[in-house]
C-alpha cells in the first residue's frame, strides 16, 4: 500500500529542506555574542530587515527581522565570527534568532555593537 500526499505537502517539505542550507551551515555554532537589529536611516522602510540565504543581496531573502530584534552571532569551527564581504564591499554576518532558531545572513550595518559577556 502506498501513501499519497497532496502536492502542496510535498512542496512544503522540499521548500523547508532547501531553507536549511548546506551541510557546512551545521558546523557553525552560536557564540556568546548578541546584537540588536537597527537601521541608521529612520526613514528606512518600516524597520524590516531581510535575512538572506548568503552574504549579499543576490541571495534570496529567507525571512526577516525587525528593528530591535536580538540575534546571536554564529562562529565557525575555528572560533571566528562568520563574516563575509560582498562584491560591493558590505560586510555580512551569519546569525541565529534565539526564539525561532532561524539562521541567515544580515548586513553588518543593520546590527548594533556586538554584546559579548
N, C-alpha and C. Protein backbone atom coordinates (compact mmCIF):
# COMPACT_ATOMS: atom_id res chain seq x y z
N UNK A 1 0.84 -1.18 0.00
CA UNK A 1 0.00 0.00 0.00
C UNK A 1 0.89 1.24 0.00
N UNK A 2 0.66 2.15 -0.92
CA UNK A 2 1.44 3.37 -0.94
C UNK A 2 0.58 4.52 -0.41
N UNK A 3 1.25 5.50 0.19
CA UNK A 3 0.55 6.65 0.75
C UNK A 3 0.66 7.79 -0.25
N UNK A 4 -0.45 8.41 -0.55
CA UNK A 4 -0.47 9.56 -1.46
C UNK A 4 -0.55 10.83 -0.63
N UNK A 5 0.41 11.72 -0.87
CA UNK A 5 0.39 13.03 -0.22
C UNK A 5 -0.05 14.07 -1.22
N UNK A 6 -0.82 15.05 -0.78
CA UNK A 6 -1.18 16.15 -1.68
C UNK A 6 0.09 16.88 -2.13
N UNK A 7 0.07 17.42 -3.33
CA UNK A 7 1.26 18.07 -3.88
C UNK A 7 1.73 19.24 -3.04
N UNK A 8 0.80 19.96 -2.36
CA UNK A 8 1.23 21.09 -1.55
C UNK A 8 2.04 20.64 -0.34
N UNK A 9 1.79 19.45 0.19
CA UNK A 9 2.58 18.92 1.31
C UNK A 9 3.99 18.63 0.85
N UNK A 10 4.12 18.01 -0.31
CA UNK A 10 5.44 17.70 -0.85
C UNK A 10 6.22 18.98 -1.12
N UNK A 11 5.55 19.99 -1.69
CA UNK A 11 6.21 21.27 -1.97
C UNK A 11 6.70 21.92 -0.68
N UNK A 12 5.91 21.83 0.38
CA UNK A 12 6.30 22.41 1.67
C UNK A 12 7.51 21.71 2.24
N UNK A 13 7.57 20.39 2.11
CA UNK A 13 8.71 19.63 2.61
C UNK A 13 9.97 19.99 1.84
N UNK A 14 9.89 20.08 0.52
CA UNK A 14 11.04 20.44 -0.31
C UNK A 14 11.51 21.84 0.01
N UNK A 15 10.56 22.79 0.13
CA UNK A 15 10.92 24.16 0.44
C UNK A 15 11.60 24.25 1.80
N UNK A 16 11.07 23.57 2.80
CA UNK A 16 11.66 23.60 4.14
C UNK A 16 13.06 23.02 4.12
N UNK A 17 13.28 21.95 3.42
CA UNK A 17 14.59 21.33 3.36
C UNK A 17 15.58 22.24 2.67
N UNK A 18 15.16 22.94 1.62
CA UNK A 18 16.09 23.80 0.90
C UNK A 18 16.46 25.03 1.72
N UNK A 19 15.63 25.42 2.68
CA UNK A 19 15.93 26.59 3.50
C UNK A 19 16.92 26.27 4.60
N UNK A 20 17.18 25.01 4.83
CA UNK A 20 18.09 24.63 5.91
C UNK A 20 19.54 24.95 5.56
N UNK A 21 19.86 25.06 4.29
CA UNK A 21 21.21 25.41 3.90
C UNK A 21 22.07 24.20 3.67
N UNK A 22 23.32 24.45 3.40
CA UNK A 22 24.25 23.37 3.09
C UNK A 22 24.74 22.70 4.37
N UNK A 23 25.32 21.51 4.25
CA UNK A 23 25.85 20.84 5.44
C UNK A 23 26.89 21.68 6.18
N UNK A 24 27.59 22.56 5.48
CA UNK A 24 28.59 23.41 6.13
C UNK A 24 27.92 24.33 7.17
N UNK A 25 26.65 24.66 6.95
CA UNK A 25 25.96 25.54 7.88
C UNK A 25 25.83 24.90 9.26
N UNK A 26 25.80 23.58 9.31
CA UNK A 26 25.65 22.89 10.59
C UNK A 26 26.94 22.91 11.41
N UNK A 27 28.06 23.22 10.77
CA UNK A 27 29.32 23.26 11.50
C UNK A 27 29.47 24.56 12.28
N UNK A 28 28.53 25.48 12.09
CA UNK A 28 28.60 26.75 12.80
C UNK A 28 27.80 26.65 14.09
N UNK A 29 28.34 27.28 15.12
CA UNK A 29 27.62 27.28 16.38
C UNK A 29 27.44 28.71 16.87
N UNK A 30 26.59 28.87 17.86
CA UNK A 30 26.35 30.20 18.42
C UNK A 30 27.52 30.62 19.28
N UNK A 31 27.83 31.90 19.22
CA UNK A 31 28.82 32.45 20.14
C UNK A 31 28.04 32.99 21.34
N UNK A 32 28.74 33.56 22.27
CA UNK A 32 28.05 34.19 23.40
C UNK A 32 27.73 35.64 23.08
N UNK A 33 27.99 36.06 21.84
CA UNK A 33 27.77 37.45 21.44
C UNK A 33 26.41 37.63 20.78
N UNK A 34 25.78 38.75 21.10
CA UNK A 34 24.50 39.10 20.51
C UNK A 34 24.59 40.51 19.93
N UNK A 35 23.61 40.86 19.13
CA UNK A 35 23.49 42.22 18.61
C UNK A 35 22.01 42.48 18.37
N UNK A 36 21.62 43.73 18.45
CA UNK A 36 20.24 44.11 18.15
C UNK A 36 20.18 44.66 16.73
N UNK A 37 19.11 44.33 16.02
CA UNK A 37 18.94 44.84 14.67
C UNK A 37 18.56 46.31 14.74
N UNK A 38 19.06 47.08 13.77
CA UNK A 38 18.81 48.52 13.75
C UNK A 38 18.87 49.03 12.32
N UNK A 39 18.43 50.25 12.12
CA UNK A 39 18.62 50.95 10.85
C UNK A 39 19.22 52.31 11.17
N UNK A 40 20.13 52.75 10.33
CA UNK A 40 20.74 54.06 10.55
C UNK A 40 19.78 55.18 10.15
N UNK A 41 19.10 54.98 9.04
CA UNK A 41 18.21 55.99 8.49
C UNK A 41 16.80 55.75 9.00
N UNK A 42 16.28 56.65 9.80
CA UNK A 42 14.95 56.47 10.38
C UNK A 42 13.85 56.43 9.32
N UNK A 43 14.16 56.90 8.11
CA UNK A 43 13.14 56.87 7.07
C UNK A 43 13.14 55.53 6.32
N UNK A 44 14.02 54.61 6.73
CA UNK A 44 14.08 53.30 6.09
C UNK A 44 12.73 52.62 6.19
N UNK A 45 12.46 51.78 5.21
CA UNK A 45 11.12 51.20 5.11
C UNK A 45 10.75 50.33 6.30
N UNK A 46 9.93 50.84 7.12
CA UNK A 46 9.21 50.16 8.20
C UNK A 46 10.01 49.29 9.16
N UNK A 47 11.31 49.40 9.19
CA UNK A 47 12.09 48.65 10.16
C UNK A 47 12.19 47.17 9.89
N UNK A 48 11.93 46.73 8.66
CA UNK A 48 12.03 45.32 8.28
C UNK A 48 13.41 45.08 7.67
N UNK A 49 14.11 44.07 8.17
CA UNK A 49 15.46 43.76 7.70
C UNK A 49 15.47 42.34 7.15
N UNK A 50 15.85 42.21 5.88
CA UNK A 50 15.89 40.89 5.25
C UNK A 50 17.00 40.03 5.83
N UNK A 51 16.69 38.77 6.00
CA UNK A 51 17.67 37.77 6.42
C UNK A 51 17.87 36.87 5.20
N UNK A 52 19.07 36.88 4.66
CA UNK A 52 19.33 36.24 3.37
C UNK A 52 20.00 34.88 3.50
N UNK A 53 19.92 34.12 2.42
CA UNK A 53 20.49 32.77 2.41
C UNK A 53 22.00 32.79 2.24
N UNK A 54 22.57 33.90 1.85
CA UNK A 54 24.00 34.05 1.68
C UNK A 54 24.41 35.49 1.90
N UNK A 55 25.72 35.75 1.88
CA UNK A 55 26.23 37.09 2.19
C UNK A 55 26.17 38.07 1.01
N UNK A 56 24.98 38.57 0.71
CA UNK A 56 24.83 39.56 -0.36
C UNK A 56 23.39 39.66 -0.81
N UNK A 57 23.08 40.75 -1.51
CA UNK A 57 21.69 40.95 -1.95
C UNK A 57 21.32 40.05 -3.12
N UNK A 58 22.31 39.39 -3.72
CA UNK A 58 21.98 38.45 -4.80
C UNK A 58 21.37 37.16 -4.26
N UNK A 59 21.47 36.94 -2.95
CA UNK A 59 20.89 35.75 -2.32
C UNK A 59 19.44 36.02 -1.92
N UNK A 60 18.64 34.99 -1.90
CA UNK A 60 17.22 35.16 -1.58
C UNK A 60 17.02 35.52 -0.11
N UNK A 61 15.94 36.26 0.13
CA UNK A 61 15.55 36.60 1.50
C UNK A 61 14.70 35.45 2.03
N UNK A 62 15.25 34.71 3.00
CA UNK A 62 14.54 33.56 3.57
C UNK A 62 13.44 34.00 4.53
N UNK A 63 13.73 35.03 5.29
CA UNK A 63 12.79 35.56 6.27
C UNK A 63 13.25 36.98 6.60
N UNK A 64 12.74 37.55 7.66
CA UNK A 64 13.11 38.91 8.01
C UNK A 64 13.15 39.07 9.51
N UNK A 65 13.84 40.13 9.93
CA UNK A 65 13.85 40.53 11.33
C UNK A 65 13.33 41.95 11.42
N UNK A 66 13.01 42.37 12.61
CA UNK A 66 12.51 43.72 12.84
C UNK A 66 13.52 44.50 13.67
N UNK A 67 13.55 45.80 13.48
CA UNK A 67 14.43 46.64 14.27
C UNK A 67 14.17 46.36 15.75
N UNK A 68 15.24 46.13 16.49
CA UNK A 68 15.13 45.81 17.91
C UNK A 68 15.25 44.34 18.21
N UNK A 69 15.02 43.48 17.21
CA UNK A 69 15.19 42.04 17.43
C UNK A 69 16.64 41.74 17.81
N UNK A 70 16.82 40.80 18.71
CA UNK A 70 18.16 40.37 19.10
C UNK A 70 18.55 39.12 18.31
N UNK A 71 19.79 39.10 17.83
CA UNK A 71 20.30 37.93 17.12
C UNK A 71 21.58 37.47 17.81
N UNK A 72 21.87 36.18 17.67
CA UNK A 72 23.12 35.62 18.17
C UNK A 72 24.08 35.49 16.99
N UNK A 73 25.32 35.85 17.21
CA UNK A 73 26.33 35.79 16.17
C UNK A 73 26.86 34.36 16.08
N UNK A 74 26.91 33.81 14.87
CA UNK A 74 27.42 32.45 14.69
C UNK A 74 28.92 32.48 14.48
N UNK A 75 29.57 31.42 14.92
CA UNK A 75 31.02 31.29 14.77
C UNK A 75 31.33 30.01 14.01
N UNK A 76 32.48 30.02 13.36
CA UNK A 76 32.95 28.84 12.64
C UNK A 76 33.69 27.93 13.61
N UNK A 77 34.10 26.76 13.13
CA UNK A 77 34.81 25.79 13.99
C UNK A 77 36.05 26.39 14.63
N UNK A 78 36.72 27.31 13.91
CA UNK A 78 37.95 27.90 14.44
C UNK A 78 37.69 29.01 15.45
N UNK A 79 36.40 29.26 15.77
CA UNK A 79 36.05 30.26 16.78
C UNK A 79 35.91 31.67 16.25
N UNK A 80 36.09 31.87 14.94
CA UNK A 80 35.96 33.20 14.35
C UNK A 80 34.50 33.46 13.98
N UNK A 81 34.09 34.72 14.05
CA UNK A 81 32.75 35.08 13.62
C UNK A 81 32.58 34.73 12.15
N UNK A 82 31.37 34.39 11.76
CA UNK A 82 31.08 34.07 10.37
C UNK A 82 30.70 35.38 9.68
N UNK A 83 31.72 36.05 9.11
CA UNK A 83 31.55 37.34 8.45
C UNK A 83 32.17 37.24 7.06
N UNK A 84 31.42 37.71 6.05
CA UNK A 84 31.89 37.72 4.66
C UNK A 84 31.69 39.12 4.09
N UNK A 85 32.48 39.45 3.08
CA UNK A 85 32.35 40.73 2.39
C UNK A 85 31.83 40.46 0.98
N UNK A 86 30.79 41.22 0.57
CA UNK A 86 30.22 41.01 -0.77
C UNK A 86 30.98 41.85 -1.81
N UNK A 87 30.55 41.75 -3.06
CA UNK A 87 31.21 42.44 -4.17
C UNK A 87 31.15 43.96 -4.04
N UNK A 88 30.15 44.48 -3.34
CA UNK A 88 30.04 45.93 -3.13
C UNK A 88 30.82 46.42 -1.92
N UNK A 89 31.45 45.51 -1.19
CA UNK A 89 32.25 45.88 -0.03
C UNK A 89 31.49 45.88 1.29
N UNK A 90 30.23 45.46 1.28
CA UNK A 90 29.46 45.38 2.53
C UNK A 90 29.81 44.11 3.27
N UNK A 91 29.90 44.22 4.58
CA UNK A 91 30.15 43.04 5.42
C UNK A 91 28.82 42.43 5.81
N UNK A 92 28.77 41.08 5.81
CA UNK A 92 27.58 40.31 6.17
C UNK A 92 27.93 39.34 7.29
N UNK A 93 27.02 39.20 8.25
CA UNK A 93 27.25 38.36 9.42
C UNK A 93 26.20 37.25 9.44
N UNK A 94 26.65 36.03 9.70
CA UNK A 94 25.71 34.90 9.82
C UNK A 94 25.20 34.87 11.25
N UNK A 95 23.88 34.86 11.39
CA UNK A 95 23.25 34.99 12.71
C UNK A 95 22.17 33.93 12.90
N UNK A 96 21.73 33.83 14.16
CA UNK A 96 20.60 32.99 14.51
C UNK A 96 19.68 33.79 15.42
N UNK A 97 18.38 33.67 15.17
CA UNK A 97 17.39 34.29 16.05
C UNK A 97 17.14 33.32 17.21
N UNK A 98 17.35 33.76 18.46
CA UNK A 98 17.25 32.84 19.61
C UNK A 98 15.90 32.17 19.77
N UNK A 99 14.81 32.87 19.53
CA UNK A 99 13.48 32.29 19.77
C UNK A 99 13.10 31.27 18.71
N UNK A 100 13.33 31.60 17.44
CA UNK A 100 12.89 30.73 16.35
C UNK A 100 13.98 29.80 15.85
N UNK A 101 15.23 30.08 16.20
CA UNK A 101 16.41 29.34 15.73
C UNK A 101 16.61 29.48 14.21
N UNK A 102 15.93 30.45 13.61
CA UNK A 102 16.12 30.73 12.18
C UNK A 102 17.52 31.31 11.98
N UNK A 103 18.18 30.87 10.93
CA UNK A 103 19.54 31.34 10.64
C UNK A 103 19.59 32.00 9.27
N UNK A 104 20.55 32.90 9.12
CA UNK A 104 20.75 33.54 7.83
C UNK A 104 21.79 34.64 7.94
N UNK A 105 21.91 35.41 6.88
CA UNK A 105 22.91 36.47 6.78
C UNK A 105 22.25 37.84 6.84
N UNK A 106 22.82 38.74 7.66
CA UNK A 106 22.34 40.11 7.79
C UNK A 106 23.54 41.04 7.57
N UNK A 107 23.28 42.12 6.83
CA UNK A 107 24.36 43.09 6.60
C UNK A 107 24.78 43.72 7.93
N UNK A 108 26.07 43.84 8.13
CA UNK A 108 26.63 44.28 9.41
C UNK A 108 26.12 45.65 9.84
N UNK A 109 25.91 46.55 8.87
CA UNK A 109 25.46 47.90 9.26
C UNK A 109 24.00 47.94 9.70
N UNK A 110 23.28 46.81 9.65
CA UNK A 110 21.93 46.72 10.20
C UNK A 110 21.95 46.10 11.60
N UNK A 111 23.13 46.04 12.20
CA UNK A 111 23.27 45.45 13.53
C UNK A 111 24.00 46.45 14.43
N UNK A 112 23.61 46.49 15.70
CA UNK A 112 24.31 47.32 16.67
C UNK A 112 25.63 46.68 17.05
N UNK A 113 26.29 47.25 18.03
CA UNK A 113 27.55 46.68 18.51
C UNK A 113 27.33 45.28 19.07
N UNK A 114 28.29 44.42 18.87
CA UNK A 114 28.22 43.08 19.45
C UNK A 114 28.33 43.20 20.96
N UNK A 115 27.45 42.51 21.67
CA UNK A 115 27.50 42.46 23.13
C UNK A 115 27.99 41.07 23.53
N UNK A 116 29.19 41.02 24.07
CA UNK A 116 29.79 39.74 24.45
C UNK A 116 30.07 39.73 25.95
N UNK A 117 29.37 38.86 26.68
CA UNK A 117 29.57 38.83 28.15
C UNK A 117 30.96 38.36 28.53
